Amino acid sequence: MKKKLPLGIQTFREIREGGYYYVDKTQFALRLVEHGKYFFLSRPRRFGKSLFLDMLAELFEGKKELFEGLYAGERWDWGKKYPVVRISFGGGVLKGRGELVERIREILKDQSDVHGVQCENRSVGGWLEELIKKTKEKAGQRVVVLVDEYDKPILDNIEDGEVAVEMREELKGLYSVIKGADANLKFAMLTGVSKFSKVSLFSGLNNLTDITLDERYSAICGYTEVDVREVFAEELEGREGRGSFDMGRVREWYNGYNWLGESVYNPYDLLNLFDSGKFRAWWYETGTPTFLLKVLRERAVYLPKLGRLVASSQLLSTFDVGNMPVEALMFQAGYLTIAEEVTQGERSFYRLRYPNLEVSLSLNESLLTDWVDRSLSPMAVSSEIYRLLVEWDMEGMGELLKGFFASVPYQWVAKNPLANYEGYYASVFYAFFASLGLEIAVEESSNAGRLDMAVKMGGRVALFEFKVVDGEAEGAAMRQIKERGYAEKYRGQGSEVWLVGVEFSRSKRGIVGWEVEQEASMKR
């Protein structure tokens, strides 16, 4: 009999007692305890951070019966039990410092009652300090402090800089207490989506060990390939008469998140896939990245390069109110992940990429809708592009896209700073193709230079070169493809190679040149 799918369940006890699947993460808990005392972990939303902290709490509280058959079951010292102070900002949205202070007091009052101590101090920092000290004295064991969604009050107000700073400063005062309580603490861990700069939120808590980019903990949240094949083997065969899942397709859609170690699947995606039998953007649809879209639009980011950004570890950690590099924002939110680490001399940096098809397809669809006048039904145009590609009607595609750009209302263009950016045309063009989940390569290197975009489908490949001209078409895009021999690397690969030169006009605000030729040596 199959177990139940733990959709939306973040309580370790309920999962263990309720007949649900559980992917054993207790080996990571033991590793943490053996190698340190204060830890910080950043992971995107819905990756299992809350469940991991809840498991940690049950482990420290000595609930041996919940760990039977798990890695920690025979390896943990069950003779000691530690009191656990839990702080979570996962529920609700707090608007303003006053609401945050009130919520912190509610949490501390609840924790005081749980541990049976009476605290006199009513400042949030003083209350937490007193709670830790008195709880240790009463239990006769040092205290464990677990903070979940530590950054949510800030992120919920990130578009209002003044309020976000107030939230940050209030939380900074709360968290700084942890360092001063060292003598009374056994262990402490904070988790959240973002990693704020040490000089801002964590300046008073500089003893935290950040395991976000530690390869030993890359799979601390999420499911590995082995987890999926072993724990969910029955689910891969399908439910309720449905056929089995193609593991290659499952991997393409949902695997790929990486923090310098083993890649993982997003648990929320897989559980919904197994429950419904449908490949959908389950994780992406739970949180439309409106703030991210706004940032990308305001900064006029060149979309073809978005899934191939490069960043240093310092840049990925440079995140604060009013200072959010695109690379850090997208990485911490889960829309980009690490492709590889590259070392040059004494410096290291990371090549970033989209984690998987779900993110690439869905984000570009959102960007396409956000970057053009919605009255033009961009997704309907995208669907028509797919049909034309299936038929390989490149001339028809040119007419379709010419008509699309020509129909963008002048009023929309005039008020949108993106339209004055030369890369806007190529970005929207790229987003059309990327939103279809096609095999796309952008700015591929060759001896002759970099081709703007290659689209592969059905044994054919179209090589696109973009040029922005002042007025009428000049034929410069097609000339560059030929003169630089961009098609050469595709010869002998068994695909038909087509050349497409596209020219956008600044003055006419649209496509004025669309040239298509089949590469001469590939003609039959």
Protein backbone atom coordinates (compact mmCIF):
# COMPACT_ATOMS: atom_id res chain seq x y z
CA MET A 1 0.00 0.00 0.00
CA LYS A 2 1.37 3.41 -0.95
CA LYS A 3 2.04 5.98 1.72
CA LYS A 4 0.37 9.38 1.77
CA LEU A 5 1.90 12.40 0.08
CA PRO A 6 2.83 15.08 2.67
CA LEU A 7 1.49 18.01 0.64
CA GLY A 8 1.67 21.18 2.70
CA ILE A 9 2.67 19.34 5.90
CA GLN A 10 5.61 20.86 7.76
CA THR A 11 5.19 18.98 11.04
CA PHE A 12 7.67 16.15 11.53
CA ARG A 13 5.52 14.29 14.06
CA GLU A 14 2.46 14.30 11.80
CA ILE A 15 4.48 12.92 8.90
CA ARG A 16 6.08 10.17 10.99
CA GLU A 17 2.88 9.14 12.75
CA GLY A 18 0.47 9.69 9.89
CA GLY A 19 1.78 7.25 7.32
CA TYR A 20 3.35 9.85 5.03
CA TYR A 21 6.46 9.61 2.91
CA TYR A 22 9.53 11.09 4.57
CA VAL A 23 12.93 11.66 2.98
CA ASP A 24 15.44 11.15 5.77
CA LYS A 25 17.43 14.33 6.45
CA THR A 26 18.55 13.41 9.95
CA GLN A 27 22.12 12.72 8.81
CA PHE A 28 22.46 16.45 8.12
CA ALA A 29 21.17 17.26 11.60
CA LEU A 30 23.84 15.08 13.20
CA ARG A 31 26.53 16.62 11.03
CA LEU A 32 25.51 20.11 12.15
CA VAL A 33 25.58 19.20 15.82
CA GLU A 34 28.96 17.48 15.48
CA HIS A 35 30.62 20.36 13.62
CA GLY A 36 29.36 23.55 15.21
CA LYS A 37 26.88 25.48 17.28
CA TYR A 38 25.48 28.43 15.30
CA PHE A 39 24.23 28.01 11.74
CA PHE A 40 22.49 29.93 9.00
CA LEU A 41 20.80 28.43 5.92
CA SER A 42 19.23 30.20 2.96
CA ARG A 43 16.98 28.29 0.57
CA PRO A 44 14.09 29.31 -1.73
CA ARG A 45 10.51 29.10 -0.51
CA ARG A 46 8.79 25.71 -0.24
CA PHE A 47 12.00 23.73 -0.06
CA GLY A 48 11.45 22.05 3.30
CA LYS A 49 13.25 24.46 5.64
CA SER A 50 10.40 24.51 8.15
CA LEU A 51 10.16 20.72 8.20
CA PHE A 52 13.90 20.44 8.77
CA LEU A 53 13.76 22.80 11.75
CA ASP A 54 10.78 20.95 13.18
CA MET A 55 12.72 17.68 12.88
CA LEU A 56 15.66 19.32 14.66
CA ALA A 57 13.38 20.41 17.49
CA GLU A 58 12.00 16.89 17.95
CA LEU A 59 15.54 15.50 17.88
CA PHE A 60 16.84 17.84 20.59
CA GLU A 61 13.71 17.26 22.68
CA GLY A 62 14.50 13.53 22.63
CA LYS A 63 11.41 12.18 20.84
CA LYS A 64 13.10 8.86 20.10
CA GLU A 65 9.94 7.14 18.87
CA LEU A 66 9.74 9.50 15.88
CA PHE A 67 13.20 8.54 14.64
CA GLU A 68 12.92 4.78 14.50
CA GLY A 69 14.38 3.51 11.24
CA LEU A 70 16.00 6.85 10.43
CA TYR A 71 19.71 7.65 10.28
CA ALA A 72 19.67 9.41 13.66
CA GLY A 73 17.69 6.67 15.36
CA GLU A 74 20.70 4.61 16.46
CA ARG A 75 23.25 7.43 16.48
CA TRP A 76 21.74 10.13 18.71
CA ASP A 77 22.28 10.31 22.46
CA TRP A 78 18.72 9.91 23.67
CA GLY A 79 19.81 10.20 27.29
CA LYS A 80 19.81 13.99 27.08
CA LYS A 81 16.89 16.25 26.26
CA TYR A 82 17.27 19.93 25.49
CA PRO A 83 14.61 22.68 25.73
CA VAL A 84 13.86 24.28 22.37
CA VAL A 85 12.81 27.88 21.84
CA ARG A 86 11.05 28.22 18.50
CA ILE A 87 10.60 31.49 16.64
CA SER A 88 8.79 31.58 13.31
CA PHE A 89 7.58 34.44 11.14
CA GLY A 90 6.01 32.14 8.58
CA GLY A 91 2.40 33.00 9.28
CA GLY A 92 0.71 36.18 8.05
CA VAL A 93 2.04 39.47 6.73
CA LEU A 94 3.29 42.12 9.11
CA LYS A 95 2.92 45.72 7.95
CA GLY A 96 5.03 48.04 10.02
CA ARG A 97 7.33 47.91 13.02
CA GLY A 98 4.48 48.04 15.50
CA GLU A 99 2.91 44.87 14.14
CA LEU A 100 6.31 43.16 14.15
CA VAL A 101 7.00 44.02 17.79
CA GLU A 102 3.53 42.80 18.76
CA ARG A 103 4.09 39.54 16.90
CA ILE A 104 7.47 38.98 18.54
CA ARG A 105 5.91 39.51 21.95
CA GLU A 106 3.19 36.97 21.12
CA ILE A 107 5.84 34.44 20.12
CA LEU A 108 7.92 35.04 23.25
CA LYS A 109 4.84 34.85 25.48
CA ASP A 110 3.90 31.53 23.89
CA GLN A 111 7.44 30.17 24.33
CA SER A 112 7.55 31.38 27.93
CA ASP A 113 4.33 29.46 28.63
CA VAL A 114 5.63 26.35 26.86
CA HIS A 115 8.71 26.28 29.06
CA GLY A 116 6.92 27.36 32.21
CA VAL A 117 8.96 30.46 32.96
CA GLN A 118 7.89 33.94 33.94
CA CYS A 119 9.77 36.77 32.22
CA GLU A 120 9.71 40.30 33.57
CA ASN A 121 11.50 42.11 30.75
CA ARG A 122 9.18 43.40 28.03
CA SER A 123 11.65 44.71 25.45
CA VAL A 124 11.84 42.02 22.79
CA GLY A 125 15.61 41.59 23.10
CA GLY A 126 15.52 41.55 26.88
CA TRP A 127 12.60 39.14 26.92
CA LEU A 128 14.37 36.64 24.65
CA GLU A 129 17.56 36.88 26.72
CA GLU A 130 15.63 36.29 29.93
CA LEU A 131 13.64 33.44 28.37
CA ILE A 132 16.82 31.62 27.33
CA LYS A 133 18.48 32.08 30.72
CA LYS A 134 15.49 31.02 32.83
CA THR A 135 14.66 28.08 30.56
CA LYS A 136 18.22 26.80 30.91
CA GLU A 137 18.05 27.15 34.69
CA LYS A 138 14.74 25.32 34.91
CA ALA A 139 15.58 22.48 32.51
CA GLY A 140 19.14 22.02 33.71
CA GLN A 141 20.27 21.85 30.09
CA ARG A 142 21.39 24.49 27.66
CA VAL A 143 18.78 25.83 25.25
CA VAL A 144 18.30 25.30 21.51
CA VAL A 145 17.02 28.32 19.52
CA LEU A 146 15.48 27.72 16.08
CA VAL A 147 14.36 30.67 13.95
CA ASP A 148 12.27 29.94 10.85
CA GLU A 149 11.54 32.50 8.10
CA TYR A 150 13.83 34.96 9.88
CA ASP A 151 13.63 37.43 6.97
CA LYS A 152 9.96 37.28 6.03
CA PRO A 153 8.92 40.53 7.81
CA ILE A 154 11.55 42.36 5.73
CA LEU A 155 10.76 40.67 2.42
CA ASP A 156 7.03 41.28 2.85
CA ASN A 157 7.81 45.00 2.87
CA ILE A 158 10.74 45.08 0.46
CA GLU A 159 9.02 47.50 -1.94
CA ASP A 160 8.68 50.07 0.84
CA GLY A 161 12.30 50.77 1.70
CA GLU A 162 11.59 52.81 4.82
CA VAL A 163 9.38 50.15 6.39
CA ALA A 164 11.75 47.35 5.33
CA VAL A 165 14.65 49.10 7.09
CA GLU A 166 12.57 49.47 10.26
CA MET A 167 11.77 45.75 10.18
CA ARG A 168 15.41 44.89 9.61
CA GLU A 169 16.59 46.99 12.55
CA GLU A 170 14.00 45.50 14.90
CA LEU A 171 14.97 41.95 13.91
CA LYS A 172 18.65 42.83 14.15
CA GLY A 173 18.13 43.74 17.80
CA LEU A 174 16.30 40.47 18.42
CA TYR A 175 18.82 38.19 16.75
CA SER A 176 21.85 39.89 18.31
CA VAL A 177 20.70 38.51 21.66
CA ILE A 178 21.64 35.01 20.52
CA LYS A 179 25.36 35.79 20.51
CA GLY A 180 25.25 37.25 24.00
CA ALA A 181 23.43 34.16 25.31
CA ASP A 182 26.26 31.81 24.30
CA ALA A 183 26.79 30.36 27.78
CA ASN A 184 23.15 29.28 27.93
CA LEU A 185 22.87 27.87 24.42
CA LYS A 186 23.45 24.37 23.06
CA PHE A 187 22.64 25.14 19.43
CA ALA A 188 21.04 27.83 17.26
CA MET A 189 19.94 27.91 13.64
CA LEU A 190 18.28 30.56 11.47
CA THR A 191 16.71 29.82 8.10
CA GLY A 192 15.13 32.00 5.45
CA VAL A 193 14.89 32.76 1.76
CA SER A 194 17.42 35.57 1.57
CA LYS A 195 20.86 36.15 2.96
CA PHE A 196 21.17 39.74 4.11
CA SER A 197 24.60 41.33 4.30
CA LYS A 198 26.52 40.67 7.49
CA VAL A 199 27.04 44.39 7.99
CA SER A 200 23.30 44.98 8.13
CA LEU A 201 21.15 42.31 9.73
CA PHE A 202 23.85 40.09 11.19
CA SER A 203 26.41 42.61 12.43
CA GLY A 204 25.46 41.65 15.97
CA LEU A 205 25.49 37.92 15.22
CA ASN A 206 28.76 37.42 13.37
CA ASN A 207 29.40 33.97 14.85
CA LEU A 208 26.91 32.25 12.52
CA THR A 209 28.31 29.58 10.20
CA ASP A 210 26.67 30.06 6.82
CA ILE A 211 26.07 26.66 5.20
CA THR A 212 24.15 28.02 2.20
CA LEU A 213 27.03 27.35 -0.21
CA ASP A 214 28.65 24.46 1.62
CA GLU A 215 28.74 21.44 -0.70
CA ARG A 216 28.27 19.12 2.29
CA TYR A 217 24.80 20.61 2.81
CA SER A 218 23.69 21.13 -0.79
CA ALA A 219 21.01 18.46 -0.32
CA ILE A 220 19.95 19.44 3.21
CA CYS A 221 16.61 20.51 1.71
CA GLY A 222 15.01 19.08 -1.42
CA TYR A 223 15.07 15.56 -2.86
CA THR A 224 18.08 14.00 -4.54
CA GLU A 225 17.86 11.65 -7.52
CA VAL A 226 18.45 8.70 -5.15
CA ASP A 227 15.69 9.95 -2.83
CA VAL A 228 13.21 10.06 -5.68
CA ARG A 229 14.08 6.62 -7.04
CA GLU A 230 14.13 4.91 -3.64
CA VAL A 231 11.60 6.70 -1.44
CA PHE A 232 9.09 7.43 -4.20
CA ALA A 233 9.63 4.33 -6.34
CA GLU A 234 5.94 3.39 -6.16
CA GLU A 235 4.84 6.91 -7.05
CA LEU A 236 6.95 6.85 -10.20
CA GLU A 237 4.72 4.00 -11.36
CA GLY A 238 1.73 6.33 -11.22
CA ARG A 239 -1.50 6.54 -9.21
CA GLU A 240 -5.10 5.59 -9.89
CA GLY A 241 -4.48 3.78 -13.12
CA ARG A 242 -2.22 6.47 -14.58
CA GLY A 243 0.87 5.36 -16.47
CA SER A 244 4.37 5.55 -15.02
CA PHE A 245 6.38 8.75 -15.22
CA ASP A 246 9.21 9.26 -17.67
CA MET A 247 12.12 9.88 -15.29
CA GLY A 248 13.97 11.88 -17.92
CA ARG A 249 11.04 14.27 -18.23
CA VAL A 250 10.65 14.51 -14.44
CA ARG A 251 14.32 15.40 -14.20
CA GLU A 252 14.13 17.99 -16.97
CA TRP A 253 11.13 19.70 -15.40
CA TYR A 254 12.00 19.72 -11.71
CA ASN A 255 15.61 18.74 -10.92
CA GLY A 256 18.63 21.01 -11.10
CA TYR A 257 18.81 23.17 -7.96
CA ASN A 258 22.42 23.20 -6.83
CA TRP A 259 24.45 24.79 -4.04
CA LEU A 260 27.92 23.48 -5.02
CA GLY A 261 27.10 19.85 -4.21
CA GLU A 262 24.47 17.34 -5.24
CA SER A 263 21.56 18.72 -7.26
CA VAL A 264 18.05 18.37 -5.86
CA TYR A 265 14.40 18.49 -6.85
CA ASN A 266 11.95 20.93 -5.31
CA PRO A 267 9.76 18.78 -2.98
CA TYR A 268 6.63 20.82 -3.65
CA ASP A 269 6.88 20.15 -7.37
CA LEU A 270 7.32 16.41 -7.05
CA LEU A 271 4.57 15.91 -4.49
CA ASN A 272 2.10 17.79 -6.70
CA LEU A 273 3.27 15.88 -9.77
CA PHE A 274 2.70 12.55 -8.04
CA ASP A 275 -0.68 13.68 -6.72
CA SER A 276 -2.04 15.09 -9.98
CA GLY A 277 -0.06 13.25 -12.62
CA LYS A 278 0.43 16.56 -14.43
CA PHE A 279 3.58 18.47 -15.34
CA ARG A 280 2.90 22.03 -14.30
CA ALA A 281 4.82 24.91 -12.80
CA TRP A 282 3.62 23.99 -9.32
CA TRP A 283 6.31 25.80 -7.36
CA TYR A 284 6.43 28.85 -9.62
CA GLU A 285 2.67 29.35 -9.49
CA THR A 286 2.63 29.58 -5.69
CA GLY A 287 4.45 32.91 -5.69
CA THR A 288 4.34 35.20 -8.72
CA PRO A 289 7.62 37.14 -8.56
CA THR A 290 6.09 40.59 -9.03
CA PHE A 291 8.95 42.37 -7.25
CA LEU A 292 11.53 40.51 -9.32
CA LEU A 293 9.71 41.34 -12.55
CA LYS A 294 9.61 44.99 -11.51
CA VAL A 295 13.37 45.03 -10.85
CA LEU A 296 14.19 43.37 -14.17
CA ARG A 297 11.94 45.81 -16.01
CA GLU A 298 13.30 48.91 -14.29
CA ARG A 299 16.90 47.85 -14.84
CA ALA A 300 16.24 46.87 -18.46
CA VAL A 301 18.03 43.54 -18.03
CA TYR A 302 19.00 41.85 -21.29
CA LEU A 303 16.89 38.70 -21.11
CA PRO A 304 19.00 36.38 -23.34
CA LYS A 305 21.80 36.67 -20.77
CA LEU A 306 19.55 36.22 -17.74
CA GLY A 307 20.02 32.46 -17.48
CA ARG A 308 23.80 32.72 -17.90
CA LEU A 309 24.87 35.31 -15.35
CA VAL A 310 28.20 35.17 -13.53
CA ALA A 311 28.69 36.20 -9.90
CA SER A 312 31.20 36.00 -7.08
CA SER A 313 30.31 34.56 -3.68
CA GLN A 314 30.53 38.09 -2.30
CA LEU A 315 28.02 39.38 -4.85
CA LEU A 316 25.58 36.56 -4.11
CA SER A 317 25.72 37.64 -0.46
CA THR A 318 25.35 41.35 -1.21
CA PHE A 319 21.66 41.61 -0.44
CA ASP A 320 20.06 44.37 1.56
CA VAL A 321 17.25 46.89 1.43
CA GLY A 322 18.07 49.23 -1.45
CA ASN A 323 21.01 47.11 -2.59
CA MET A 324 19.85 44.01 -4.43
CA PRO A 325 21.99 42.94 -7.38
CA VAL A 326 19.97 41.01 -9.96
CA GLU A 327 22.27 38.01 -9.55
CA ALA A 328 21.75 37.84 -5.78
CA LEU A 329 18.02 38.46 -6.01
CA MET A 330 17.41 35.74 -8.58
CA PHE A 331 19.74 33.23 -6.94
CA GLN A 332 18.36 33.60 -3.44
CA ALA A 333 14.76 33.51 -4.66
CA GLY A 334 15.39 30.26 -6.56
CA TYR A 335 15.10 31.51 -10.15
CA LEU A 336 18.79 30.91 -10.80
CA THR A 337 21.08 28.26 -9.39
CA ILE A 338 24.77 27.39 -9.62
CA ALA A 339 25.95 25.76 -12.83
CA GLU A 340 29.60 25.56 -11.86
CA GLU A 341 32.29 27.11 -9.71
CA VAL A 342 35.26 28.53 -11.59
CA THR A 343 38.61 29.40 -10.02
CA GLN A 344 40.96 31.95 -11.53
CA GLY A 345 44.11 32.34 -9.47
CA GLU A 346 42.99 33.21 -5.97
CA ARG A 347 39.49 34.21 -7.05
CA SER A 348 36.40 32.05 -7.43
CA PHE A 349 33.14 32.87 -9.11
CA TYR A 350 29.97 31.06 -10.09
CA ARG A 351 28.26 30.59 -13.41
CA LEU A 352 24.51 30.71 -12.86
CA ARG A 353 21.71 29.07 -14.84
CA TYR A 354 18.00 28.36 -14.71
CA PRO A 355 17.46 25.32 -12.45
CA ASN A 356 15.13 23.49 -14.79
CA LEU A 357 12.45 23.72 -17.46
CA GLU A 358 9.74 24.80 -15.00
CA VAL A 359 11.60 27.95 -14.02
CA SER A 360 12.95 28.80 -17.48
CA LEU A 361 9.60 28.41 -19.20
CA SER A 362 7.49 30.07 -16.51
CA LEU A 363 9.76 33.02 -15.77
CA ASN A 364 10.13 33.91 -19.43
CA GLU A 365 6.38 33.65 -19.90
CA SER A 366 5.91 36.09 -17.01
CA LEU A 367 8.59 38.39 -18.41
CA LEU A 368 7.00 38.34 -21.83
CA THR A 369 3.63 39.29 -20.39
CA ASP A 370 5.24 41.99 -18.25
CA TRP A 371 7.38 43.53 -21.01
CA VAL A 372 4.71 44.05 -23.67
CA ASP A 373 1.25 45.56 -23.82
CA ARG A 374 -0.99 42.81 -22.45
CA SER A 375 -3.79 43.75 -24.82
CA LEU A 376 -1.68 42.18 -27.58
CA SER A 377 -2.11 38.69 -26.09
CA PRO A 378 1.58 37.76 -26.20
CA MET A 379 0.95 34.15 -25.20
CA ALA A 380 -1.36 33.70 -28.17
CA VAL A 381 1.45 34.99 -30.39
CA SER A 382 3.85 32.61 -28.66
CA SER A 383 1.54 29.69 -29.40
CA GLU A 384 1.38 30.70 -33.07
CA ILE A 385 5.19 30.88 -33.16
CA TYR A 386 5.31 27.27 -32.01
CA ARG A 387 2.93 26.20 -34.78
CA LEU A 388 5.04 27.98 -37.37
CA LEU A 389 8.17 26.32 -36.04
CA VAL A 390 6.58 22.90 -36.28
CA GLU A 391 5.80 23.67 -39.93
CA TRP A 392 9.19 25.43 -40.22
CA ASP A 393 7.52 28.39 -41.84
CA MET A 394 10.21 30.98 -41.15
CA GLU A 395 8.74 33.53 -43.53
CA GLY A 396 5.37 33.23 -41.82
CA MET A 397 7.08 33.72 -38.47
CA GLY A 398 8.67 36.91 -39.76
CA GLU A 399 5.31 38.30 -40.80
CA LEU A 400 3.82 37.36 -37.44
CA LEU A 401 6.54 39.09 -35.44
CA LYS A 402 6.60 42.14 -37.69
CA GLY A 403 2.88 42.51 -37.11
CA PHE A 404 3.27 42.03 -33.39
CA PHE A 405 5.88 44.74 -32.90
CA ALA A 406 4.01 47.08 -35.26
CA SER A 407 0.87 46.71 -33.17
CA VAL A 408 2.47 47.83 -29.90
CA PRO A 409 0.64 51.08 -29.06
CA TYR A 410 2.78 54.20 -29.19
CA GLN A 411 1.46 55.31 -25.81
CA TRP A 412 2.73 52.12 -24.20
CA VAL A 413 6.11 52.52 -25.88
CA ALA A 414 6.46 56.17 -24.89
CA LYS A 415 5.88 55.58 -21.17
CA ASN A 416 7.96 52.41 -20.92
CA PRO A 417 11.71 52.91 -20.39
CA LEU A 418 12.36 49.44 -21.76
CA ALA A 419 11.36 50.47 -25.27
CA ASN A 420 14.23 52.95 -25.41
CA TYR A 421 16.69 50.21 -24.62
CA GLU A 422 18.20 48.61 -27.72
CA GLY A 423 18.21 45.15 -26.16
CA TYR A 424 14.47 45.36 -25.53
CA TYR A 425 13.60 44.07 -28.98
CA ALA A 426 15.95 41.11 -28.78
CA SER A 427 14.80 40.42 -25.20
CA VAL A 428 11.13 40.20 -26.14
CA PHE A 429 12.05 38.16 -29.22
CA TYR A 430 14.01 35.75 -27.01
CA ALA A 431 11.23 35.54 -24.40
CA PHE A 432 8.78 34.36 -27.06
CA PHE A 433 10.93 31.32 -27.78
CA ALA A 434 12.04 30.66 -24.20
CA SER A 435 8.43 30.66 -22.96
CA LEU A 436 7.81 27.65 -25.23
CA GLY A 437 10.47 25.54 -23.55
CA LEU A 438 12.43 25.16 -26.78
CA GLU A 439 16.10 24.20 -27.00
CA ILE A 440 17.79 27.59 -27.22
CA ALA A 441 21.44 28.61 -27.14
CA VAL A 442 22.32 32.29 -26.80
CA GLU A 443 25.60 33.97 -27.70
CA GLU A 444 27.36 30.68 -28.46
CA SER A 445 31.07 31.21 -28.90
CA SER A 446 32.95 30.27 -32.07
CA ASN A 447 36.25 31.23 -33.63
CA ALA A 448 34.39 33.93 -35.51
CA GLY A 449 32.59 35.49 -32.57
CA ARG A 450 29.24 35.05 -30.81
CA LEU A 451 25.95 34.27 -32.48
CA ASP A 452 22.97 35.99 -30.86
CA MET A 453 20.62 32.99 -30.70
CA ALA A 454 20.18 29.45 -32.04
CA VAL A 455 16.82 27.64 -31.87
CA LYS A 456 16.71 23.89 -32.44
CA MET A 457 13.64 21.87 -33.32
CA GLY A 458 12.87 18.72 -35.27
CA GLY A 459 16.24 18.18 -36.91
CA ARG A 460 16.60 21.83 -37.87
CA VAL A 461 18.40 24.76 -36.31
CA ALA A 462 17.74 28.44 -36.94
CA LEU A 463 20.62 30.84 -36.36
CA PHE A 464 19.40 34.33 -35.44
CA GLU A 465 21.44 37.51 -35.55
CA PHE A 466 19.92 40.80 -34.35
CA LYS A 467 20.83 44.32 -35.37
CA VAL A 468 19.34 47.66 -34.38
CA VAL A 469 19.27 50.25 -37.20
CA ASP A 470 18.19 53.87 -37.29
CA GLY A 471 15.64 53.62 -40.09
CA GLU A 472 15.31 51.09 -42.91
CA ALA A 473 16.82 47.62 -43.18
CA GLU A 474 20.49 47.45 -44.13
CA GLY A 475 21.03 43.70 -44.44
CA ALA A 476 23.77 43.89 -41.79
CA ALA A 477 22.44 41.00 -39.69
CA MET A 478 22.53 38.46 -42.51
CA ARG A 479 25.92 39.71 -43.68
CA GLN A 480 27.39 39.17 -40.24
CA ILE A 481 26.08 35.59 -40.05
CA LYS A 482 27.73 34.77 -43.37
CA GLU A 483 30.95 36.74 -43.01
CA ARG A 484 31.70 35.31 -39.59
CA GLY A 485 30.73 31.77 -40.55
CA TYR A 486 28.39 31.17 -37.64
CA ALA A 487 26.94 28.12 -39.40
CA GLU A 488 30.26 26.31 -39.58
CA LYS A 489 30.05 24.68 -36.15
CA TYR A 490 26.68 23.14 -37.05
CA ARG A 491 27.87 21.45 -40.22
CA GLY A 492 28.12 17.71 -39.93
CA GLN A 493 25.67 17.54 -37.03
CA GLY A 494 22.92 16.13 -39.22
CA SER A 495 20.65 19.15 -38.91
CA GLU A 496 19.37 21.55 -41.51
CA VAL A 497 20.88 24.95 -40.78
CA TRP A 498 18.89 28.09 -41.50
CA LEU A 499 20.13 31.66 -41.26
CA VAL A 500 17.82 34.42 -40.04
CA GLY A 501 18.89 38.07 -40.00
CA VAL A 502 16.60 40.34 -37.99
CA GLU A 503 16.86 44.14 -37.93
CA PHE A 504 14.95 46.38 -35.54
CA SER A 505 14.41 50.05 -36.27
CA ARG A 506 14.80 52.66 -33.54
CA SER A 507 12.72 55.23 -35.36
CA LYS A 508 9.98 52.86 -36.53
CA ARG A 509 10.01 50.83 -33.30
CA GLY A 510 9.68 47.45 -34.94
CA ILE A 511 11.16 44.84 -37.28
CA VAL A 512 12.17 46.33 -40.63
CA GLY A 513 14.42 43.53 -41.83
CA TRP A 514 13.76 39.78 -41.86
CA GLU A 515 16.00 37.70 -44.12
CA VAL A 516 15.90 33.90 -44.23
CA GLU A 517 18.26 31.53 -46.07
CA GLN A 518 19.05 27.86 -45.78
CA GLU A 519 22.78 27.37 -45.22
CA ALA A 520 24.24 26.57 -48.63
CA SER A 521 26.18 23.42 -47.75
CA MET A 522 23.09 21.87 -46.12
CA LYS A 523 20.73 22.25 -49.07
CA ARG A 524 19.62 18.98 -50.60
